[in-house]
């Protein structure tokens, strides 16, 4: 088993939780997401988190292009907007703390 796999799973769960909380109205600003990411992303694992975001985005895009009903389509679109907000917040985290979160 890859050592990064547990962290990858944790980050995918974090992304899913943020998206769910956003859709439920529990997260109302990019600032809240920024604070969550700042607290939950371990130092030096920003690239891994970004890959997890990409994986989640690709899965969501597959849902959007598949043959789904109107309600599922609307929900997937809302998830995509939430994901865009997460990506923007991660960009803010990366700029604010470049050495701490990104492994270049």
PDB file of N, CA and C in Angstrom:
ATOM      1  N   UNK A   1       0.845  -1.196   0.000  1.00  0.00           N
ATOM      2  CA  UNK A   1       0.000   0.000   0.000  1.00  0.00           C
ATOM      3  C   UNK A   1       0.881   1.246   0.000  1.00  0.00           C
ATOM      4  N   UNK A   2       0.558   2.187  -0.819  1.00  0.00           N
ATOM      5  CA  UNK A   2       1.291   3.443  -0.920  1.00  0.00           C
ATOM      6  C   UNK A   2       1.112   4.256   0.359  1.00  0.00           C
ATOM      7  N   UNK A   3       2.210   4.841   0.843  1.00  0.00           N
ATOM      8  CA  UNK A   3       2.145   5.634   2.075  1.00  0.00           C
ATOM      9  C   UNK A   3       1.263   6.867   1.925  1.00  0.00           C
ATOM     10  N   UNK A   4       1.132   7.373   0.712  1.00  0.00           N
ATOM     11  CA  UNK A   4       0.317   8.570   0.478  1.00  0.00           C
ATOM     12  C   UNK A   4      -1.175   8.254   0.405  1.00  0.00           C
ATOM     13  N   UNK A   5      -1.507   6.977   0.249  1.00  0.00           N
ATOM     14  CA  UNK A   5      -2.913   6.613   0.053  1.00  0.00           C
ATOM     15  C   UNK A   5      -3.820   7.030   1.207  1.00  0.00           C
ATOM     16  N   UNK A   6      -3.439   6.803   2.482  1.00  0.00           N
ATOM     17  CA  UNK A   6      -4.323   7.260   3.567  1.00  0.00           C
ATOM     18  C   UNK A   6      -4.537   8.782   3.544  1.00  0.00           C
ATOM     19  N   UNK A   7      -3.479   9.529   3.237  1.00  0.00           N
ATOM     20  CA  UNK A   7      -3.607  10.984   3.176  1.00  0.00           C
ATOM     21  C   UNK A   7      -4.469  11.384   1.980  1.00  0.00           C
ATOM     22  N   UNK A   8      -4.291  10.684   0.870  1.00  0.00           N
ATOM     23  CA  UNK A   8      -5.102  10.950  -0.318  1.00  0.00           C
ATOM     24  C   UNK A   8      -6.577  10.732   0.007  1.00  0.00           C
ATOM     25  N   UNK A   9      -6.871   9.619   0.662  1.00  0.00           N
ATOM     26  CA  UNK A   9      -8.259   9.333   1.047  1.00  0.00           C
ATOM     27  C   UNK A   9      -8.795  10.398   1.998  1.00  0.00           C
ATOM     28  N   UNK A  10      -7.958  10.818   2.921  1.00  0.00           N
ATOM     29  CA  UNK A  10      -8.370  11.854   3.880  1.00  0.00           C
ATOM     30  C   UNK A  10      -8.678  13.160   3.155  1.00  0.00           C
ATOM     31  N   UNK A  11      -7.844  13.520   2.179  1.00  0.00           N
ATOM     32  CA  UNK A  11      -8.068  14.760   1.439  1.00  0.00           C
ATOM     33  C   UNK A  11      -9.311  14.667   0.552  1.00  0.00           C
ATOM     34  N   UNK A  12      -9.548  13.517  -0.062  1.00  0.00           N
ATOM     35  CA  UNK A  12     -10.768  13.345  -0.861  1.00  0.00           C
ATOM     36  C   UNK A  12     -12.005  13.453   0.025  1.00  0.00           C
ATOM     37  N   UNK A  13     -11.929  12.902   1.236  1.00  0.00           N
ATOM     38  CA  UNK A  13     -13.036  13.028   2.189  1.00  0.00           C
ATOM     39  C   UNK A  13     -13.227  14.484   2.610  1.00  0.00           C
ATOM     40  N   UNK A  14     -12.112  15.197   2.817  1.00  0.00           N
ATOM     41  CA  UNK A  14     -12.183  16.611   3.189  1.00  0.00           C
ATOM     42  C   UNK A  14     -12.865  17.417   2.081  1.00  0.00           C
ATOM     43  N   UNK A  15     -12.475  17.169   0.848  1.00  0.00           N
ATOM     44  CA  UNK A  15     -13.077  17.877  -0.284  1.00  0.00           C
ATOM     45  C   UNK A  15     -14.574  17.584  -0.348  1.00  0.00           C
ATOM     46  N   UNK A  16     -14.927  16.314  -0.237  1.00  0.00           N
ATOM     47  CA  UNK A  16     -16.343  15.931  -0.278  1.00  0.00           C
ATOM     48  C   UNK A  16     -17.120  16.582   0.860  1.00  0.00           C
ATOM     49  N   UNK A  17     -16.515  16.657   2.044  1.00  0.00           N
ATOM     50  CA  UNK A  17     -17.188  17.261   3.194  1.00  0.00           C
ATOM     51  C   UNK A  17     -17.394  18.763   2.987  1.00  0.00           C
ATOM     52  N   UNK A  18     -16.377  19.437   2.458  1.00  0.00           N
ATOM     53  CA  UNK A  18     -16.506  20.873   2.195  1.00  0.00           C
ATOM     54  C   UNK A  18     -17.601  21.117   1.158  1.00  0.00           C
ATOM     55  N   UNK A  19     -17.626  20.301   0.107  1.00  0.00           N
ATOM     56  CA  UNK A  19     -18.662  20.449  -0.923  1.00  0.00           C
ATOM     57  C   UNK A  19     -20.041  20.232  -0.304  1.00  0.00           C
ATOM     58  N   UNK A  20     -20.188  19.175   0.487  1.00  0.00           N
ATOM     59  CA  UNK A  20     -21.472  18.881   1.135  1.00  0.00           C
ATOM     60  C   UNK A  20     -21.896  20.016   2.057  1.00  0.00           C
ATOM     61  N   UNK A  21     -20.963  20.494   2.881  1.00  0.00           N
ATOM     62  CA  UNK A  21     -21.282  21.595   3.797  1.00  0.00           C
ATOM     63  C   UNK A  21     -21.660  22.862   3.039  1.00  0.00           C
ATOM     64  N   UNK A  22     -21.008  23.097   1.910  1.00  0.00           N
ATOM     65  CA  UNK A  22     -21.330  24.261   1.088  1.00  0.00           C
ATOM     66  C   UNK A  22     -22.745  24.141   0.524  1.00  0.00           C
ATOM     67  N   UNK A  23     -23.090  22.967   0.028  1.00  0.00           N
ATOM     68  CA  UNK A  23     -24.425  22.759  -0.539  1.00  0.00           C
ATOM     69  C   UNK A  23     -25.515  22.868   0.520  1.00  0.00           C
ATOM     70  N   UNK A  24     -25.191  22.485   1.748  1.00  0.00           N
ATOM     71  CA  UNK A  24     -26.161  22.577   2.846  1.00  0.00           C
ATOM     72  C   UNK A  24     -26.268  23.995   3.403  1.00  0.00           C
ATOM     73  N   UNK A  25     -25.367  24.879   2.985  1.00  0.00           N
ATOM     74  CA  UNK A  25     -25.393  26.251   3.477  1.00  0.00           C
ATOM     75  C   UNK A  25     -24.595  26.454   4.747  1.00  0.00           C
ATOM     76  N   UNK A  26     -23.841  25.443   5.167  1.00  0.00           N
ATOM     77  CA  UNK A  26     -23.030  25.562   6.380  1.00  0.00           C
ATOM     78  C   UNK A  26     -21.738  26.332   6.145  1.00  0.00           C
ATOM     79  N   UNK A  27     -21.311  26.424   4.901  1.00  0.00           N
ATOM     80  CA  UNK A  27     -20.142  27.222   4.529  1.00  0.00           C
ATOM     81  C   UNK A  27     -20.646  28.296   3.589  1.00  0.00           C
ATOM     82  N   UNK A  28     -20.383  29.532   3.945  1.00  0.00           N
ATOM     83  CA  UNK A  28     -20.943  30.639   3.165  1.00  0.00           C
ATOM     84  C   UNK A  28     -19.902  31.538   2.513  1.00  0.00           C
ATOM     85  N   UNK A  29     -18.622  31.291   2.811  1.00  0.00           N
ATOM     86  CA  UNK A  29     -17.620  32.177   2.231  1.00  0.00           C
ATOM     87  C   UNK A  29     -16.332  31.426   1.914  1.00  0.00           C
ATOM     88  N   UNK A  30     -15.593  32.005   0.995  1.00  0.00           N
ATOM     89  CA  UNK A  30     -14.282  31.476   0.641  1.00  0.00           C
ATOM     90  C   UNK A  30     -13.355  31.534   1.858  1.00  0.00           C
ATOM     91  N   UNK A  31     -13.568  32.525   2.708  1.00  0.00           N
ATOM     92  CA  UNK A  31     -12.763  32.686   3.924  1.00  0.00           C
ATOM     93  C   UNK A  31     -12.903  31.472   4.846  1.00  0.00           C
ATOM     94  N   UNK A  32     -14.113  30.951   4.992  1.00  0.00           N
ATOM     95  CA  UNK A  32     -14.323  29.758   5.822  1.00  0.00           C
ATOM     96  C   UNK A  32     -13.569  28.567   5.240  1.00  0.00           C
ATOM     97  N   UNK A  33     -13.615  28.433   3.931  1.00  0.00           N
ATOM     98  CA  UNK A  33     -12.903  27.338   3.276  1.00  0.00           C
ATOM     99  C   UNK A  33     -11.402  27.527   3.445  1.00  0.00           C
ATOM    100  N   UNK A  34     -10.929  28.755   3.301  1.00  0.00           N
ATOM    101  CA  UNK A  34      -9.508  29.058   3.493  1.00  0.00           C
ATOM    102  C   UNK A  34      -9.045  28.599   4.876  1.00  0.00           C
ATOM    103  N   UNK A  35      -9.803  28.929   5.907  1.00  0.00           N
ATOM    104  CA  UNK A  35      -9.424  28.540   7.269  1.00  0.00           C
ATOM    105  C   UNK A  35      -9.436  27.025   7.434  1.00  0.00           C
ATOM    106  N   UNK A  36     -10.422  26.367   6.860  1.00  0.00           N
ATOM    107  CA  UNK A  36     -10.485  24.907   6.933  1.00  0.00           C
ATOM    108  C   UNK A  36      -9.269  24.288   6.262  1.00  0.00           C
ATOM    109  N   UNK A  37      -8.935  24.763   5.076  1.00  0.00           N
ATOM    110  CA  UNK A  37      -7.777  24.227   4.363  1.00  0.00           C
ATOM    111  C   UNK A  37      -6.486  24.506   5.118  1.00  0.00           C
ATOM    112  N   UNK A  38      -6.357  25.704   5.670  1.00  0.00           N
ATOM    113  CA  UNK A  38      -5.160  26.055   6.436  1.00  0.00           C
ATOM    114  C   UNK A  38      -4.965  25.121   7.622  1.00  0.00           C
ATOM    115  N   UNK A  39      -6.068  24.723   8.240  1.00  0.00           N
ATOM    116  CA  UNK A  39      -6.002  23.847   9.409  1.00  0.00           C
ATOM    117  C   UNK A  39      -5.804  22.381   9.040  1.00  0.00           C
ATOM    118  N   UNK A  40      -6.390  21.934   7.946  1.00  0.00           N
ATOM    119  CA  UNK A  40      -6.460  20.501   7.648  1.00  0.00           C
ATOM    120  C   UNK A  40      -5.390  19.982   6.691  1.00  0.00           C
ATOM    121  N   UNK A  41      -4.746  20.866   5.940  1.00  0.00           N
ATOM    122  CA  UNK A  41      -3.731  20.403   4.997  1.00  0.00           C
ATOM    123  C   UNK A  41      -2.380  20.403   5.699  1.00  0.00           C
ATOM    124  N   UNK A  42      -1.738  19.247   5.688  1.00  0.00           N
ATOM    125  CA  UNK A  42      -0.439  19.114   6.341  1.00  0.00           C
ATOM    126  C   UNK A  42       0.643  19.826   5.533  1.00  0.00           C
ATOM    127  N   UNK A  43       1.644  20.322   6.238  1.00  0.00           N
ATOM    128  CA  UNK A  43       2.766  21.004   5.595  1.00  0.00           C
ATOM    129  C   UNK A  43       3.414  20.079   4.568  1.00  0.00           C
ATOM    130  N   UNK A  44       3.711  20.632   3.407  1.00  0.00           N
ATOM    131  CA  UNK A  44       4.388  19.887   2.357  1.00  0.00           C
ATOM    132  C   UNK A  44       3.502  18.957   1.547  1.00  0.00           C
ATOM    133  N   UNK A  45       2.189  19.025   1.732  1.00  0.00           N
ATOM    134  CA  UNK A  45       1.298  18.111   1.003  1.00  0.00           C
ATOM    135  C   UNK A  45       0.331  18.847   0.079  1.00  0.00           C
ATOM    136  N   UNK A  46       0.643  20.077  -0.232  1.00  0.00           N
ATOM    137  CA  UNK A  46      -0.232  20.858  -1.103  1.00  0.00           C
ATOM    138  C   UNK A  46      -0.414  20.247  -2.478  1.00  0.00           C
ATOM    139  N   UNK A  47       0.673  19.688  -3.040  1.00  0.00           N
ATOM    140  CA  UNK A  47       0.567  19.068  -4.362  1.00  0.00           C
ATOM    141  C   UNK A  47      -0.367  17.869  -4.323  1.00  0.00           C
ATOM    142  N   UNK A  48      -0.282  17.084  -3.262  1.00  0.00           N
ATOM    143  CA  UNK A  48      -1.173  15.933  -3.114  1.00  0.00           C
ATOM    144  C   UNK A  48      -2.625  16.401  -3.029  1.00  0.00           C
ATOM    145  N   UNK A  49      -2.870  17.452  -2.247  1.00  0.00           N
ATOM    146  CA  UNK A  49      -4.227  17.985  -2.146  1.00  0.00           C
ATOM    147  C   UNK A  49      -4.714  18.470  -3.508  1.00  0.00           C
ATOM    148  N   UNK A  50      -3.840  19.144  -4.248  1.00  0.00           N
ATOM    149  CA  UNK A  50      -4.213  19.644  -5.579  1.00  0.00           C
ATOM    150  C   UNK A  50      -4.546  18.487  -6.524  1.00  0.00           C
ATOM    151  N   UNK A  51      -3.796  17.379  -6.433  1.00  0.00           N
ATOM    152  CA  UNK A  51      -4.116  16.209  -7.259  1.00  0.00           C
ATOM    153  C   UNK A  51      -5.472  15.623  -6.866  1.00  0.00           C
ATOM    154  N   UNK A  52      -5.761  15.622  -5.571  1.00  0.00           N
ATOM    155  CA  UNK A  52      -7.066  15.139  -5.103  1.00  0.00           C
ATOM    156  C   UNK A  52      -8.190  16.032  -5.632  1.00  0.00           C
ATOM    157  N   UNK A  53      -7.960  17.343  -5.626  1.00  0.00           N
ATOM    158  CA  UNK A  53      -8.941  18.273  -6.205  1.00  0.00           C
ATOM    159  C   UNK A  53      -9.173  17.953  -7.679  1.00  0.00           C
ATOM    160  N   UNK A  54      -8.082  17.681  -8.391  1.00  0.00           N
ATOM    161  CA  UNK A  54      -8.187  17.361  -9.815  1.00  0.00           C
ATOM    162  C   UNK A  54      -8.983  16.072 -10.024  1.00  0.00           C
ATOM    163  N   UNK A  55      -8.713  15.062  -9.207  1.00  0.00           N
ATOM    164  CA  UNK A  55      -9.444  13.795  -9.291  1.00  0.00           C
ATOM    165  C   UNK A  55     -10.932  14.016  -9.052  1.00  0.00           C
ATOM    166  N   UNK A  56     -11.255  14.784  -8.014  1.00  0.00           N
ATOM    167  CA  UNK A  56     -12.655  15.078  -7.693  1.00  0.00           C
ATOM    168  C   UNK A  56     -13.312  15.835  -8.847  1.00  0.00           C
ATOM    169  N   UNK A  57     -12.586  16.799  -9.415  1.00  0.00           N
ATOM    170  CA  UNK A  57     -13.119  17.595 -10.529  1.00  0.00           C
ATOM    171  C   UNK A  57     -13.372  16.722 -11.755  1.00  0.00           C
ATOM    172  N   UNK A  58     -12.466  15.795 -12.037  1.00  0.00           N
ATOM    173  CA  UNK A  58     -12.644  14.906 -13.185  1.00  0.00           C
ATOM    174  C   UNK A  58     -13.856  13.998 -12.992  1.00  0.00           C
ATOM    175  N   UNK A  59     -14.015  13.463 -11.780  1.00  0.00           N
ATOM    176  CA  UNK A  59     -15.182  12.624 -11.490  1.00  0.00           C
ATOM    177  C   UNK A  59     -16.481  13.423 -11.647  1.00  0.00           C
ATOM    178  N   UNK A  60     -16.453  14.648 -11.182  1.00  0.00           N
ATOM    179  CA  UNK A  60     -17.630  15.512 -11.284  1.00  0.00           C
ATOM    180  C   UNK A  60     -17.939  15.841 -12.741  1.00  0.00           C
ATOM    181  N   UNK A  61     -16.903  16.081 -13.524  1.00  0.00           N
ATOM    182  CA  UNK A  61     -17.094  16.372 -14.949  1.00  0.00           C
ATOM    183  C   UNK A  61     -17.711  15.175 -15.658  1.00  0.00           C
ATOM    184  N   UNK A  62     -17.291  13.978 -15.275  1.00  0.00           N
ATOM    185  CA  UNK A  62     -17.875  12.763 -15.842  1.00  0.00           C
ATOM    186  C   UNK A  62     -19.367  12.702 -15.534  1.00  0.00           C
ATOM    187  N   UNK A  63     -19.733  13.054 -14.300  1.00  0.00           N
ATOM    188  CA  UNK A  63     -21.149  13.088 -13.924  1.00  0.00           C
ATOM    189  C   UNK A  63     -21.917  14.096 -14.777  1.00  0.00           C
ATOM    190  N   UNK A  64     -21.311  15.260 -14.977  1.00  0.00           N
ATOM    191  CA  UNK A  64     -21.990  16.315 -15.736  1.00  0.00           C
ATOM    192  C   UNK A  64     -22.210  15.936 -17.194  1.00  0.00           C
ATOM    193  N   UNK A  65     -21.305  15.143 -17.755  1.00  0.00           N
ATOM    194  CA  UNK A  65     -21.426  14.780 -19.164  1.00  0.00           C
ATOM    195  C   UNK A  65     -22.189  13.477 -19.373  1.00  0.00           C
ATOM    196  N   UNK A  66     -22.493  12.769 -18.284  1.00  0.00           N
ATOM    197  CA  UNK A  66     -23.248  11.522 -18.424  1.00  0.00           C
ATOM    198  C   UNK A  66     -24.742  11.824 -18.540  1.00  0.00           C
ATOM    199  N   UNK A  67     -25.477  10.807 -18.856  1.00  0.00           N
ATOM    200  CA  UNK A  67     -26.924  10.941 -19.047  1.00  0.00           C
ATOM    201  C   UNK A  67     -27.617  10.875 -17.685  1.00  0.00           C
ATOM    202  N   UNK A  68     -27.784  12.034 -17.053  1.00  0.00           N
ATOM    203  CA  UNK A  68     -28.442  12.093 -15.747  1.00  0.00           C
ATOM    204  C   UNK A  68     -29.663  12.998 -15.840  1.00  0.00           C
ATOM    205  N   UNK A  69     -30.566  12.830 -14.881  1.00  0.00           N
ATOM    206  CA  UNK A  69     -31.780  13.647 -14.917  1.00  0.00           C
ATOM    207  C   UNK A  69     -31.484  15.094 -14.514  1.00  0.00           C
ATOM    208  N   UNK A  70     -32.465  15.930 -14.677  1.00  0.00           N
ATOM    209  CA  UNK A  70     -32.313  17.370 -14.453  1.00  0.00           C
ATOM    210  C   UNK A  70     -31.911  17.710 -13.018  1.00  0.00           C
ATOM    211  N   UNK A  71     -32.483  17.021 -12.048  1.00  0.00           N
ATOM    212  CA  UNK A  71     -32.166  17.270 -10.643  1.00  0.00           C
ATOM    213  C   UNK A  71     -30.717  16.913 -10.335  1.00  0.00           C
ATOM    214  N   UNK A  72     -30.270  15.753 -10.823  1.00  0.00           N
ATOM    215  CA  UNK A  72     -28.880  15.351 -10.619  1.00  0.00           C
ATOM    216  C   UNK A  72     -27.928  16.304 -11.331  1.00  0.00           C
ATOM    217  N   UNK A  73     -28.323  16.773 -12.490  1.00  0.00           N
ATOM    218  CA  UNK A  73     -27.516  17.735 -13.252  1.00  0.00           C
ATOM    219  C   UNK A  73     -27.360  19.035 -12.463  1.00  0.00           C
ATOM    220  N   UNK A  74     -28.447  19.512 -11.879  1.00  0.00           N
ATOM    221  CA  UNK A  74     -28.394  20.746 -11.092  1.00  0.00           C
ATOM    222  C   UNK A  74     -27.498  20.573  -9.869  1.00  0.00           C
ATOM    223  N   UNK A  75     -27.600  19.429  -9.212  1.00  0.00           N
ATOM    224  CA  UNK A  75     -26.771  19.165  -8.038  1.00  0.00           C
ATOM    225  C   UNK A  75     -25.292  19.088  -8.422  1.00  0.00           C
ATOM    226  N   UNK A  76     -24.987  18.429  -9.539  1.00  0.00           N
ATOM    227  CA  UNK A  76     -23.604  18.335 -10.002  1.00  0.00           C
ATOM    228  C   UNK A  76     -23.055  19.717 -10.353  1.00  0.00           C
ATOM    229  N   UNK A  77     -23.888  20.569 -10.917  1.00  0.00           N
ATOM    230  CA  UNK A  77     -23.467  21.934 -11.242  1.00  0.00           C
ATOM    231  C   UNK A  77     -23.154  22.720  -9.971  1.00  0.00           C
ATOM    232  N   UNK A  78     -23.973  22.562  -8.943  1.00  0.00           N
ATOM    233  CA  UNK A  78     -23.715  23.233  -7.659  1.00  0.00           C
ATOM    234  C   UNK A  78     -22.431  22.709  -7.027  1.00  0.00           C
ATOM    235  N   UNK A  79     -22.194  21.407  -7.146  1.00  0.00           N
ATOM    236  CA  UNK A  79     -20.954  20.827  -6.623  1.00  0.00           C
ATOM    237  C   UNK A  79     -19.751  21.414  -7.356  1.00  0.00           C
ATOM    238  N   UNK A  80     -19.904  21.601  -8.660  1.00  0.00           N
ATOM    239  CA  UNK A  80     -18.815  22.160  -9.456  1.00  0.00           C
ATOM    240  C   UNK A  80     -18.491  23.590  -9.008  1.00  0.00           C
ATOM    241  N   UNK A  81     -19.520  24.366  -8.704  1.00  0.00           N
ATOM    242  CA  UNK A  81     -19.286  25.729  -8.200  1.00  0.00           C
ATOM    243  C   UNK A  81     -18.571  25.695  -6.852  1.00  0.00           C
ATOM    244  N   UNK A  82     -18.982  24.776  -5.981  1.00  0.00           N
ATOM    245  CA  UNK A  82     -18.330  24.638  -4.676  1.00  0.00           C
ATOM    246  C   UNK A  82     -16.871  24.238  -4.862  1.00  0.00           C
ATOM    247  N   UNK A  83     -16.614  23.351  -5.801  1.00  0.00           N
ATOM    248  CA  UNK A  83     -15.248  22.916  -6.071  1.00  0.00           C
ATOM    249  C   UNK A  83     -14.396  24.072  -6.585  1.00  0.00           C
ATOM    250  N   UNK A  84     -14.975  24.915  -7.414  1.00  0.00           N
ATOM    251  CA  UNK A  84     -14.266  26.099  -7.908  1.00  0.00           C
ATOM    252  C   UNK A  84     -13.888  27.016  -6.744  1.00  0.00           C
ATOM    253  N   UNK A  85     -14.769  27.147  -5.774  1.00  0.00           N
ATOM    254  CA  UNK A  85     -14.481  27.954  -4.585  1.00  0.00           C
ATOM    255  C   UNK A  85     -13.341  27.337  -3.785  1.00  0.00           C
ATOM    256  N   UNK A  86     -13.342  26.013  -3.649  1.00  0.00           N
ATOM    257  CA  UNK A  86     -12.257  25.328  -2.935  1.00  0.00           C
ATOM    258  C   UNK A  86     -10.936  25.566  -3.657  1.00  0.00           C
ATOM    259  N   UNK A  87     -10.945  25.458  -4.976  1.00  0.00           N
ATOM    260  CA  UNK A  87      -9.727  25.681  -5.749  1.00  0.00           C
ATOM    261  C   UNK A  87      -9.210  27.105  -5.562  1.00  0.00           C
ATOM    262  N   UNK A  88     -10.107  28.070  -5.534  1.00  0.00           N
ATOM    263  CA  UNK A  88      -9.705  29.455  -5.300  1.00  0.00           C
ATOM    264  C   UNK A  88      -9.124  29.652  -3.917  1.00  0.00           C
ATOM    265  N   UNK A  89      -9.741  29.025  -2.920  1.00  0.00           N
ATOM    266  CA  UNK A  89      -9.235  29.130  -1.548  1.00  0.00           C
ATOM    267  C   UNK A  89      -7.873  28.465  -1.432  1.00  0.00           C
ATOM    268  N   UNK A  90      -7.682  27.343  -2.121  1.00  0.00           N
ATOM    269  CA  UNK A  90      -6.383  26.669  -2.080  1.00  0.00           C
ATOM    270  C   UNK A  90      -5.317  27.548  -2.715  1.00  0.00           C
ATOM    271  N   UNK A  91      -5.680  28.258  -3.771  1.00  0.00           N
ATOM    272  CA  UNK A  91      -4.739  29.196  -4.377  1.00  0.00           C
ATOM    273  C   UNK A  91      -4.337  30.286  -3.405  1.00  0.00           C
ATOM    274  N   UNK A  92      -5.285  30.753  -2.608  1.00  0.00           N
ATOM    275  CA  UNK A  92      -4.997  31.764  -1.588  1.00  0.00           C
ATOM    276  C   UNK A  92      -4.070  31.198  -0.522  1.00  0.00           C
ATOM    277  N   UNK A  93      -4.321  29.961  -0.100  1.00  0.00           N
ATOM    278  CA  UNK A  93      -3.455  29.307   0.890  1.00  0.00           C
ATOM    279  C   UNK A  93      -2.045  29.177   0.334  1.00  0.00           C
ATOM    280  N   UNK A  94      -1.932  28.741  -0.914  1.00  0.00           N
ATOM    281  CA  UNK A  94      -0.624  28.550  -1.533  1.00  0.00           C
ATOM    282  C   UNK A  94       0.153  29.862  -1.635  1.00  0.00           C
ATOM    283  N   UNK A  95      -0.548  30.955  -1.920  1.00  0.00           N
ATOM    284  CA  UNK A  95       0.119  32.254  -2.008  1.00  0.00           C
ATOM    285  C   UNK A  95       0.505  32.782  -0.636  1.00  0.00           C
ATOM    286  N   UNK A  96      -0.351  32.560   0.354  1.00  0.00           N
ATOM    287  CA  UNK A  96      -0.097  33.072   1.700  1.00  0.00           C
ATOM    288  C   UNK A  96       1.021  32.307   2.400  1.00  0.00           C
ATOM    289  N   UNK A  97       1.111  31.009   2.127  1.00  0.00           N
ATOM    290  CA  UNK A  97       2.093  30.162   2.810  1.00  0.00           C
ATOM    291  C   UNK A  97       2.757  29.227   1.804  1.00  0.00           C
ATOM    292  N   UNK A  98       3.515  29.774   0.852  1.00  0.00           N
ATOM    293  CA  UNK A  98       4.023  28.945  -0.243  1.00  0.00           C
ATOM    294  C   UNK A  98       4.941  27.803   0.190  1.00  0.00           C
ATOM    295  N   UNK A  99       5.826  28.042   1.095  1.00  0.00           N
ATOM    296  CA  UNK A  99       6.755  27.001   1.512  1.00  0.00           C
ATOM    297  C   UNK A  99       6.119  25.940   2.373  1.00  0.00           C
ATOM    298  N   UNK A 100       5.059  26.291   3.044  1.00  0.00           N
ATOM    299  CA  UNK A 100       4.443  25.369   3.983  1.00  0.00           C
ATOM    300  C   UNK A 100       3.555  24.336   3.295  1.00  0.00           C
ATOM    301  N   UNK A 101       2.917  24.701   2.195  1.00  0.00           N
ATOM    302  CA  UNK A 101       1.927  23.810   1.616  1.00  0.00           C
ATOM    303  C   UNK A 101       2.325  23.168   0.304  1.00  0.00           C
ATOM    304  N   UNK A 102       3.175  23.799  -0.455  1.00  0.00           N
ATOM    305  CA  UNK A 102       3.528  23.231  -1.749  1.00  0.00           C
ATOM    306  C   UNK A 102       4.923  22.643  -1.707  1.00  0.00           C
ATOM    307  N   UNK A 103       5.060  21.461  -2.279  1.00  0.00           N
ATOM    308  CA  UNK A 103       6.360  20.806  -2.341  1.00  0.00           C
ATOM    309  C   UNK A 103       6.889  20.954  -3.752  1.00  0.00           C
ATOM    310  N   UNK A 104       7.705  21.938  -3.972  1.00  0.00           N
ATOM    311  CA  UNK A 104       8.230  22.172  -5.317  1.00  0.00           C
ATOM    312  C   UNK A 104       9.664  21.754  -5.402  1.00  0.00           C
TER     313      UNK A 104
END
